[in-house]
Amino acid sequence: MSAQAKYQEIADRLRDQIRSGVLAPDERLPSEPDLIRGYDASRNTVRLALALLTNQGLVVTRQGLGTFVLGPTRPFTALLSRSKGQPSGNYASQALPVVSPDTSKPETVRTVVETVSASRSQAEKLLIEQGDEVIVRRTMQNIDDVPWLLINSYFPVEVAGGTPLAQAGQIAQGSMRMLAELGFEQVGFIDEIGSRMPNSRELDFFRLPVGVPVIVVNRTAYSSERPIRLTRYIYRGDRVRLAHVEGTIPAKFRQS
């Protein structure tokens, strides 16, 4: 049997044990030496099998502790379409409110504000020059201690400089209303959605296992004259569903 077929066989057997409940959520898998002996395989073959299960989101390796079965997760659902009602008071993300699984659980928010040089992609969206200064508000959000959302909002300095948007802390009335008060009323936005592998900041925040991508919603907001804000909503790809709802849907047909 080839090494490739061998590691797939090991992964298949462990996967069957996980799905049948023989290996329960949070249970530690046999150690590498035990797997090597049990399957008469090389260390490299066993590591390839564990890497495959990790990439499939079935197990996670914890440094110095071993490899553990990941429990099933019920993804958060974030609403892309405009919400007619106010989101729960527990949640700060009014632009993309979370609507499941349990909006009764508390959300915690931490915000960091910096002035940085615009990257090429940021400059293209905001119609400024690469290297021009932008104010970025970075928000890290957890629901019931589970990291679920990173938000990076970029504002041209000529729009937000010297205003509360350039200062740490939440904006009580929300950034959209603040912009309107500053003379930059939002008339619309464009959403672009994609996925990519996470950077180091995202890996640390989401505590991602190897191989899990992030989903990024790029929202560029416009006044009647110019782009006024670029917001990037970043989610871990295995724990979010993005929903777009139009019209009035009877409660019995709504998915939770």
C-alpha atoms as a PDB file:
ATOM      1  CA  MET A   1       0.000   0.000   0.000  1.00  0.00           C
ATOM      2  CA  SER A   2       1.370   3.428  -0.925  1.00  0.00           C
ATOM      3  CA  ALA A   3       2.062   6.062   1.743  1.00  0.00           C
ATOM      4  CA  GLN A   4      -0.671   8.208   0.220  1.00  0.00           C
ATOM      5  CA  ALA A   5      -3.262   5.444   0.432  1.00  0.00           C
ATOM      6  CA  LYS A   6      -2.076   4.592   3.965  1.00  0.00           C
ATOM      7  CA  TYR A   7      -2.599   8.079   5.401  1.00  0.00           C
ATOM      8  CA  GLN A   8      -6.019   8.284   3.746  1.00  0.00           C
ATOM      9  CA  GLU A   9      -6.963   4.912   5.269  1.00  0.00           C
ATOM     10  CA  ILE A  10      -5.925   6.139   8.734  1.00  0.00           C
ATOM     11  CA  ALA A  11      -7.868   9.361   8.266  1.00  0.00           C
ATOM     12  CA  ASP A  12     -10.928   7.441   7.041  1.00  0.00           C
ATOM     13  CA  ARG A  13     -10.914   5.150  10.086  1.00  0.00           C
ATOM     14  CA  LEU A  14     -10.504   8.011  12.547  1.00  0.00           C
ATOM     15  CA  ARG A  15     -13.202   9.983  10.733  1.00  0.00           C
ATOM     16  CA  ASP A  16     -15.594   7.028  11.024  1.00  0.00           C
ATOM     17  CA  GLN A  17     -14.888   6.825  14.763  1.00  0.00           C
ATOM     18  CA  ILE A  18     -15.583  10.552  15.151  1.00  0.00           C
ATOM     19  CA  ARG A  19     -18.836  10.449  13.192  1.00  0.00           C
ATOM     20  CA  SER A  20     -20.081   7.313  14.958  1.00  0.00           C
ATOM     21  CA  GLY A  21     -19.352   8.804  18.383  1.00  0.00           C
ATOM     22  CA  VAL A  22     -16.651   6.322  19.315  1.00  0.00           C
ATOM     23  CA  LEU A  23     -14.417   9.392  19.577  1.00  0.00           C
ATOM     24  CA  ALA A  24     -16.566  12.014  21.273  1.00  0.00           C
ATOM     25  CA  PRO A  25     -16.281  15.829  21.033  1.00  0.00           C
ATOM     26  CA  ASP A  26     -13.344  17.167  23.076  1.00  0.00           C
ATOM     27  CA  GLU A  27     -11.939  13.651  23.418  1.00  0.00           C
ATOM     28  CA  ARG A  28      -8.202  13.282  22.870  1.00  0.00           C
ATOM     29  CA  LEU A  29      -7.131  11.119  19.933  1.00  0.00           C
ATOM     30  CA  PRO A  30      -4.540   8.402  20.514  1.00  0.00           C
ATOM     31  CA  SER A  31      -1.044   9.847  20.622  1.00  0.00           C
ATOM     32  CA  GLU A  32       1.221   9.804  17.569  1.00  0.00           C
ATOM     33  CA  PRO A  33       3.247   6.835  18.926  1.00  0.00           C
ATOM     34  CA  ASP A  34       0.016   4.920  19.595  1.00  0.00           C
ATOM     35  CA  LEU A  35      -1.264   5.636  16.078  1.00  0.00           C
ATOM     36  CA  ILE A  36       2.084   4.630  14.583  1.00  0.00           C
ATOM     37  CA  ARG A  37       1.934   1.297  16.396  1.00  0.00           C
ATOM     38  CA  GLY A  38      -1.790   0.769  15.889  1.00  0.00           C
ATOM     39  CA  TYR A  39      -1.674   1.332  12.142  1.00  0.00           C
ATOM     40  CA  ASP A  40       1.884   0.108  11.536  1.00  0.00           C
ATOM     41  CA  ALA A  41       2.650   3.431   9.848  1.00  0.00           C
ATOM     42  CA  SER A  42       5.459   5.957   9.777  1.00  0.00           C
ATOM     43  CA  ARG A  43       5.355   9.186  11.789  1.00  0.00           C
ATOM     44  CA  ASN A  44       5.025  11.217   8.580  1.00  0.00           C
ATOM     45  CA  THR A  45       2.058   9.104   7.411  1.00  0.00           C
ATOM     46  CA  VAL A  46       0.256   9.581  10.735  1.00  0.00           C
ATOM     47  CA  ARG A  47       0.897  13.330  10.636  1.00  0.00           C
ATOM     48  CA  LEU A  48      -0.516  13.524   7.098  1.00  0.00           C
ATOM     49  CA  ALA A  49      -3.663  11.731   8.300  1.00  0.00           C
ATOM     50  CA  LEU A  50      -4.076  14.144  11.233  1.00  0.00           C
ATOM     51  CA  ALA A  51      -3.437  17.120   8.955  1.00  0.00           C
ATOM     52  CA  LEU A  52      -6.205  15.915   6.630  1.00  0.00           C
ATOM     53  CA  LEU A  53      -8.670  15.644   9.529  1.00  0.00           C
ATOM     54  CA  THR A  54      -7.620  19.088  10.745  1.00  0.00           C
ATOM     55  CA  ASN A  55      -8.217  20.617   7.313  1.00  0.00           C
ATOM     56  CA  GLN A  56     -11.663  19.023   7.301  1.00  0.00           C
ATOM     57  CA  GLY A  57     -12.474  20.729  10.607  1.00  0.00           C
ATOM     58  CA  LEU A  58     -12.834  17.476  12.561  1.00  0.00           C
ATOM     59  CA  VAL A  59      -9.907  17.763  14.964  1.00  0.00           C
ATOM     60  CA  VAL A  60      -7.630  20.415  16.435  1.00  0.00           C
ATOM     61  CA  THR A  61      -4.079  20.066  17.759  1.00  0.00           C
ATOM     62  CA  ARG A  62      -3.347  21.842  21.041  1.00  0.00           C
ATOM     63  CA  GLN A  63       0.306  22.524  21.641  1.00  0.00           C
ATOM     64  CA  GLY A  64       1.716  20.166  24.253  1.00  0.00           C
ATOM     65  CA  LEU A  65      -1.635  18.478  24.875  1.00  0.00           C
ATOM     66  CA  GLY A  66      -2.377  16.428  21.768  1.00  0.00           C
ATOM     67  CA  THR A  67      -5.072  16.277  19.092  1.00  0.00           C
ATOM     68  CA  PHE A  68      -8.732  16.578  20.089  1.00  0.00           C
ATOM     69  CA  VAL A  69     -12.078  15.990  18.407  1.00  0.00           C
ATOM     70  CA  LEU A  70     -13.924  19.197  17.563  1.00  0.00           C
ATOM     71  CA  GLY A  71     -17.577  19.249  18.514  1.00  0.00           C
ATOM     72  CA  PRO A  72     -20.264  20.177  15.982  1.00  0.00           C
ATOM     73  CA  THR A  73     -20.803  23.927  15.761  1.00  0.00           C
ATOM     74  CA  ARG A  74     -24.008  25.751  14.940  1.00  0.00           C
ATOM     75  CA  PRO A  75     -22.952  28.681  12.788  1.00  0.00           C
ATOM     76  CA  PHE A  76     -23.876  32.268  13.461  1.00  0.00           C
ATOM     77  CA  THR A  77     -26.069  33.811  10.787  1.00  0.00           C
ATOM     78  CA  ALA A  78     -25.302  37.414   9.824  1.00  0.00           C
ATOM     79  CA  LEU A  79     -27.925  39.344   7.905  1.00  0.00           C
ATOM     80  CA  LEU A  80     -26.606  41.022   4.753  1.00  0.00           C
ATOM     81  CA  SER A  81     -29.873  42.701   3.817  1.00  0.00           C
ATOM     82  CA  ARG A  82     -30.994  45.889   5.511  1.00  0.00           C
ATOM     83  CA  SER A  83     -32.883  45.180   8.732  1.00  0.00           C
ATOM     84  CA  LYS A  84     -36.160  47.072   9.198  1.00  0.00           C
ATOM     85  CA  GLY A  85     -36.199  46.503  12.956  1.00  0.00           C
ATOM     86  CA  GLN A  86     -33.557  47.327  15.508  1.00  0.00           C
ATOM     87  CA  PRO A  87     -31.216  44.435  16.365  1.00  0.00           C
ATOM     88  CA  SER A  88     -31.010  43.130  19.900  1.00  0.00           C
ATOM     89  CA  GLY A  89     -29.509  45.567  22.376  1.00  0.00           C
ATOM     90  CA  ASN A  90     -26.836  42.944  23.109  1.00  0.00           C
ATOM     91  CA  TYR A  91     -25.293  43.400  19.673  1.00  0.00           C
ATOM     92  CA  ALA A  92     -23.162  46.209  18.308  1.00  0.00           C
ATOM     93  CA  SER A  93     -23.094  45.113  14.652  1.00  0.00           C
ATOM     94  CA  GLN A  94     -26.117  47.021  13.431  1.00  0.00           C
ATOM     95  CA  ALA A  95     -24.823  47.081   9.846  1.00  0.00           C
ATOM     96  CA  LEU A  96     -24.664  43.268   9.677  1.00  0.00           C
ATOM     97  CA  PRO A  97     -26.721  42.123  12.687  1.00  0.00           C
ATOM     98  CA  VAL A  98     -26.378  38.562  13.915  1.00  0.00           C
ATOM     99  CA  VAL A  99     -29.720  36.786  13.891  1.00  0.00           C
ATOM    100  CA  SER A 100     -28.820  33.321  15.209  1.00  0.00           C
ATOM    101  CA  PRO A 101     -28.152  31.001  16.917  1.00  0.00           C
ATOM    102  CA  ASP A 102     -29.012  32.743  20.198  1.00  0.00           C
ATOM    103  CA  THR A 103     -29.308  36.513  20.383  1.00  0.00           C
ATOM    104  CA  SER A 104     -29.920  36.353  24.137  1.00  0.00           C
ATOM    105  CA  LYS A 105     -26.252  35.639  24.760  1.00  0.00           C
ATOM    106  CA  PRO A 106     -24.137  38.705  25.474  1.00  0.00           C
ATOM    107  CA  GLU A 107     -21.751  40.240  22.976  1.00  0.00           C
ATOM    108  CA  THR A 108     -18.485  41.803  24.077  1.00  0.00           C
ATOM    109  CA  VAL A 109     -16.749  44.392  21.925  1.00  0.00           C
ATOM    110  CA  ARG A 110     -13.249  45.839  21.931  1.00  0.00           C
ATOM    111  CA  THR A 111     -12.317  48.701  19.606  1.00  0.00           C
ATOM    112  CA  VAL A 112      -8.858  49.970  18.625  1.00  0.00           C
ATOM    113  CA  VAL A 113      -8.401  53.143  16.537  1.00  0.00           C
ATOM    114  CA  GLU A 114      -5.293  53.854  14.456  1.00  0.00           C
ATOM    115  CA  THR A 115      -4.114  56.180  11.717  1.00  0.00           C
ATOM    116  CA  VAL A 116      -2.346  54.202   8.994  1.00  0.00           C
ATOM    117  CA  SER A 117      -1.208  54.558   5.392  1.00  0.00           C
ATOM    118  CA  ALA A 118      -3.768  53.317   2.877  1.00  0.00           C
ATOM    119  CA  SER A 119      -2.913  50.107   1.059  1.00  0.00           C
ATOM    120  CA  ARG A 120      -3.530  49.840  -2.658  1.00  0.00           C
ATOM    121  CA  SER A 121      -6.867  48.047  -2.217  1.00  0.00           C
ATOM    122  CA  GLN A 122      -8.068  50.543   0.396  1.00  0.00           C
ATOM    123  CA  ALA A 123      -7.019  53.489  -1.768  1.00  0.00           C
ATOM    124  CA  GLU A 124      -8.852  52.087  -4.800  1.00  0.00           C
ATOM    125  CA  LYS A 125     -12.116  51.762  -2.866  1.00  0.00           C
ATOM    126  CA  LEU A 126     -11.883  55.176  -1.195  1.00  0.00           C
ATOM    127  CA  LEU A 127     -10.611  56.966  -4.329  1.00  0.00           C
ATOM    128  CA  ILE A 128      -7.496  58.281  -2.605  1.00  0.00           C
ATOM    129  CA  GLU A 129      -3.805  57.791  -3.273  1.00  0.00           C
ATOM    130  CA  GLN A 130      -1.962  54.752  -1.995  1.00  0.00           C
ATOM    131  CA  GLY A 131      -0.069  55.852   1.109  1.00  0.00           C
ATOM    132  CA  ASP A 132      -2.559  58.590   2.039  1.00  0.00           C
ATOM    133  CA  GLU A 133      -3.535  58.511   5.695  1.00  0.00           C
ATOM    134  CA  VAL A 134      -6.746  56.760   6.697  1.00  0.00           C
ATOM    135  CA  ILE A 135      -8.338  56.297  10.090  1.00  0.00           C
ATOM    136  CA  VAL A 136      -9.099  52.657  10.839  1.00  0.00           C
ATOM    137  CA  ARG A 137     -11.418  51.475  13.574  1.00  0.00           C
ATOM    138  CA  ARG A 138     -10.726  47.818  14.394  1.00  0.00           C
ATOM    139  CA  THR A 139     -13.483  46.069  16.317  1.00  0.00           C
ATOM    140  CA  MET A 140     -13.173  42.583  17.809  1.00  0.00           C
ATOM    141  CA  GLN A 141     -16.477  40.966  18.761  1.00  0.00           C
ATOM    142  CA  ASN A 142     -17.246  37.861  20.807  1.00  0.00           C
ATOM    143  CA  ILE A 143     -20.596  36.232  21.514  1.00  0.00           C
ATOM    144  CA  ASP A 144     -20.682  34.297  24.786  1.00  0.00           C
ATOM    145  CA  ASP A 145     -16.844  34.333  24.757  1.00  0.00           C
ATOM    146  CA  VAL A 146     -16.737  32.868  21.223  1.00  0.00           C
ATOM    147  CA  PRO A 147     -14.827  35.095  18.742  1.00  0.00           C
ATOM    148  CA  TRP A 148     -17.150  35.591  15.809  1.00  0.00           C
ATOM    149  CA  LEU A 149     -16.383  38.857  13.989  1.00  0.00           C
ATOM    150  CA  LEU A 150     -13.584  41.277  13.169  1.00  0.00           C
ATOM    151  CA  ILE A 151     -14.552  44.641  11.679  1.00  0.00           C
ATOM    152  CA  ASN A 152     -12.036  47.012  10.091  1.00  0.00           C
ATOM    153  CA  SER A 153     -13.584  50.348   9.054  1.00  0.00           C
ATOM    154  CA  TYR A 154     -11.420  52.747   7.027  1.00  0.00           C
ATOM    155  CA  PHE A 155     -12.214  56.476   6.744  1.00  0.00           C
ATOM    156  CA  PRO A 156     -10.333  59.099   4.705  1.00  0.00           C
ATOM    157  CA  VAL A 157      -8.652  61.594   7.040  1.00  0.00           C
ATOM    158  CA  GLU A 158     -10.467  64.488   5.338  1.00  0.00           C
ATOM    159  CA  VAL A 159     -13.755  62.824   6.306  1.00  0.00           C
ATOM    160  CA  ALA A 160     -13.068  61.588   9.852  1.00  0.00           C
ATOM    161  CA  GLY A 161      -9.947  63.419  11.057  1.00  0.00           C
ATOM    162  CA  GLY A 162     -10.454  65.358  14.292  1.00  0.00           C
ATOM    163  CA  THR A 163     -13.863  63.759  14.937  1.00  0.00           C
ATOM    164  CA  PRO A 164     -15.032  61.082  17.406  1.00  0.00           C
ATOM    165  CA  LEU A 165     -14.462  58.534  14.614  1.00  0.00           C
ATOM    166  CA  ALA A 166     -10.721  59.066  15.140  1.00  0.00           C
ATOM    167  CA  GLN A 167     -10.991  58.384  18.884  1.00  0.00           C
ATOM    168  CA  ALA A 168     -11.169  55.110  20.794  1.00  0.00           C
ATOM    169  CA  GLY A 169     -14.517  53.924  22.105  1.00  0.00           C
ATOM    170  CA  GLN A 170     -17.884  53.142  20.577  1.00  0.00           C
ATOM    171  CA  ILE A 171     -19.836  55.764  18.649  1.00  0.00           C
ATOM    172  CA  ALA A 172     -23.120  56.042  20.559  1.00  0.00           C
ATOM    173  CA  GLN A 173     -25.234  56.997  17.545  1.00  0.00           C
ATOM    174  CA  GLY A 174     -23.346  54.735  15.133  1.00  0.00           C
ATOM    175  CA  SER A 175     -20.820  55.725  12.494  1.00  0.00           C
ATOM    176  CA  MET A 176     -23.426  56.172   9.740  1.00  0.00           C
ATOM    177  CA  ARG A 177     -25.323  58.807  11.722  1.00  0.00           C
ATOM    178  CA  MET A 178     -22.047  60.406  12.796  1.00  0.00           C
ATOM    179  CA  LEU A 179     -20.983  60.719   9.169  1.00  0.00           C
ATOM    180  CA  ALA A 180     -24.320  62.315   8.310  1.00  0.00           C
ATOM    181  CA  GLU A 181     -23.842  64.840  11.119  1.00  0.00           C
ATOM    182  CA  LEU A 182     -20.435  65.654   9.620  1.00  0.00           C
ATOM    183  CA  GLY A 183     -22.029  66.368   6.230  1.00  0.00           C
ATOM    184  CA  PHE A 184     -21.389  62.970   4.627  1.00  0.00           C
ATOM    185  CA  GLU A 185     -24.799  61.340   4.506  1.00  0.00           C
ATOM    186  CA  GLN A 186     -24.667  57.771   3.238  1.00  0.00           C
ATOM    187  CA  VAL A 187     -26.836  57.237   0.167  1.00  0.00           C
ATOM    188  CA  GLY A 188     -25.855  53.642  -0.591  1.00  0.00           C
ATOM    189  CA  PHE A 189     -23.196  50.949  -0.453  1.00  0.00           C
ATOM    190  CA  ILE A 190     -21.731  48.098  -2.460  1.00  0.00           C
ATOM    191  CA  ASP A 191     -21.001  44.705  -0.888  1.00  0.00           C
ATOM    192  CA  GLU A 192     -18.336  42.375  -2.291  1.00  0.00           C
ATOM    193  CA  ILE A 193     -17.986  38.950  -0.687  1.00  0.00           C
ATOM    194  CA  GLY A 194     -15.042  36.591  -0.941  1.00  0.00           C
ATOM    195  CA  SER A 195     -12.913  34.150   1.005  1.00  0.00           C
ATOM    196  CA  ARG A 196      -9.192  33.833   1.618  1.00  0.00           C
ATOM    197  CA  MET A 197      -6.756  32.310   4.060  1.00  0.00           C
ATOM    198  CA  PRO A 198      -6.379  34.278   7.312  1.00  0.00           C
ATOM    199  CA  ASN A 199      -3.507  36.583   8.232  1.00  0.00           C
ATOM    200  CA  SER A 200      -1.703  36.326  11.577  1.00  0.00           C
ATOM    201  CA  ARG A 201      -4.056  38.772  13.349  1.00  0.00           C
ATOM    202  CA  GLU A 202      -7.084  36.746  12.246  1.00  0.00           C
ATOM    203  CA  LEU A 203      -5.482  33.418  13.168  1.00  0.00           C
ATOM    204  CA  ASP A 204      -4.844  34.665  16.693  1.00  0.00           C
ATOM    205  CA  PHE A 205      -8.268  36.236  17.193  1.00  0.00           C
ATOM    206  CA  PHE A 206     -10.376  33.346  15.868  1.00  0.00           C
ATOM    207  CA  ARG A 207      -7.998  30.657  17.231  1.00  0.00           C
ATOM    208  CA  LEU A 208      -8.263  28.976  13.853  1.00  0.00           C
ATOM    209  CA  PRO A 209      -7.110  25.446  13.131  1.00  0.00           C
ATOM    210  CA  VAL A 210      -4.922  25.007  10.081  1.00  0.00           C
ATOM    211  CA  GLY A 211      -6.758  25.158   6.773  1.00  0.00           C
ATOM    212  CA  VAL A 212      -9.848  27.145   7.836  1.00  0.00           C
ATOM    213  CA  PRO A 213     -10.419  30.222   5.628  1.00  0.00           C
ATOM    214  CA  VAL A 214     -12.065  33.490   6.534  1.00  0.00           C
ATOM    215  CA  ILE A 215     -15.034  35.052   4.751  1.00  0.00           C
ATOM    216  CA  VAL A 216     -14.706  38.763   4.053  1.00  0.00           C
ATOM    217  CA  VAL A 217     -17.537  41.165   3.258  1.00  0.00           C
ATOM    218  CA  ASN A 218     -16.124  44.381   1.768  1.00  0.00           C
ATOM    219  CA  ARG A 219     -18.710  47.145   2.107  1.00  0.00           C
ATOM    220  CA  THR A 220     -17.937  50.473   0.426  1.00  0.00           C
ATOM    221  CA  ALA A 221     -20.312  53.245   1.515  1.00  0.00           C
ATOM    222  CA  TYR A 222     -20.950  56.371  -0.548  1.00  0.00           C
ATOM    223  CA  SER A 223     -22.308  59.856  -0.056  1.00  0.00           C
ATOM    224  CA  SER A 224     -23.759  61.586  -3.090  1.00  0.00           C
ATOM    225  CA  GLU A 225     -20.272  62.837  -3.944  1.00  0.00           C
ATOM    226  CA  ARG A 226     -17.629  60.306  -2.840  1.00  0.00           C
ATOM    227  CA  PRO A 227     -16.773  57.061  -1.019  1.00  0.00           C
ATOM    228  CA  ILE A 228     -16.852  57.812   2.713  1.00  0.00           C
ATOM    229  CA  ARG A 229     -16.080  54.487   4.361  1.00  0.00           C
ATOM    230  CA  LEU A 230     -14.709  51.043   3.561  1.00  0.00           C
ATOM    231  CA  THR A 231     -15.710  48.377   6.066  1.00  0.00           C
ATOM    232  CA  ARG A 232     -14.372  44.839   6.079  1.00  0.00           C
ATOM    233  CA  TYR A 233     -16.407  42.294   8.035  1.00  0.00           C
ATOM    234  CA  ILE A 234     -14.253  39.208   8.636  1.00  0.00           C
ATOM    235  CA  TYR A 235     -15.660  35.879   9.820  1.00  0.00           C
ATOM    236  CA  ARG A 236     -14.199  32.424  10.310  1.00  0.00           C
ATOM    237  CA  GLY A 237     -15.436  30.441   7.366  1.00  0.00           C
ATOM    238  CA  ASP A 238     -16.645  27.376   9.265  1.00  0.00           C
ATOM    239  CA  ARG A 239     -18.874  29.264  11.729  1.00  0.00           C
ATOM    240  CA  VAL A 240     -20.923  31.756   9.767  1.00  0.00           C
ATOM    241  CA  ARG A 241     -23.765  31.858   7.278  1.00  0.00           C
ATOM    242  CA  LEU A 242     -24.489  35.058   5.399  1.00  0.00           C
ATOM    243  CA  ALA A 243     -28.192  35.608   4.744  1.00  0.00           C
ATOM    244  CA  HIS A 244     -29.943  38.018   2.402  1.00  0.00           C
ATOM    245  CA  VAL A 245     -33.662  38.460   2.989  1.00  0.00           C
ATOM    246  CA  GLU A 246     -36.098  40.591   0.992  1.00  0.00           C
ATOM    247  CA  GLY A 247     -39.768  41.167   1.714  1.00  0.00           C
ATOM    248  CA  THR A 248     -41.841  39.946   4.646  1.00  0.00           C
ATOM    249  CA  ILE A 249     -41.243  36.244   5.239  1.00  0.00           C
ATOM    250  CA  PRO A 250     -43.781  34.400   7.439  1.00  0.00           C
ATOM    251  CA  ALA A 251     -42.154  33.242  10.669  1.00  0.00           C
ATOM    252  CA  LYS A 252     -42.754  29.546   9.901  1.00  0.00           C
ATOM    253  CA  PHE A 253     -40.533  29.784   6.801  1.00  0.00           C
ATOM    254  CA  ARG A 254     -37.618  31.622   8.422  1.00  0.00           C
ATOM    255  CA  GLN A 255     -34.488  29.579   8.953  1.00  0.00           C
ATOM    256  CA  SER A 256     -32.811  29.807  12.342  1.00  0.00           C
END
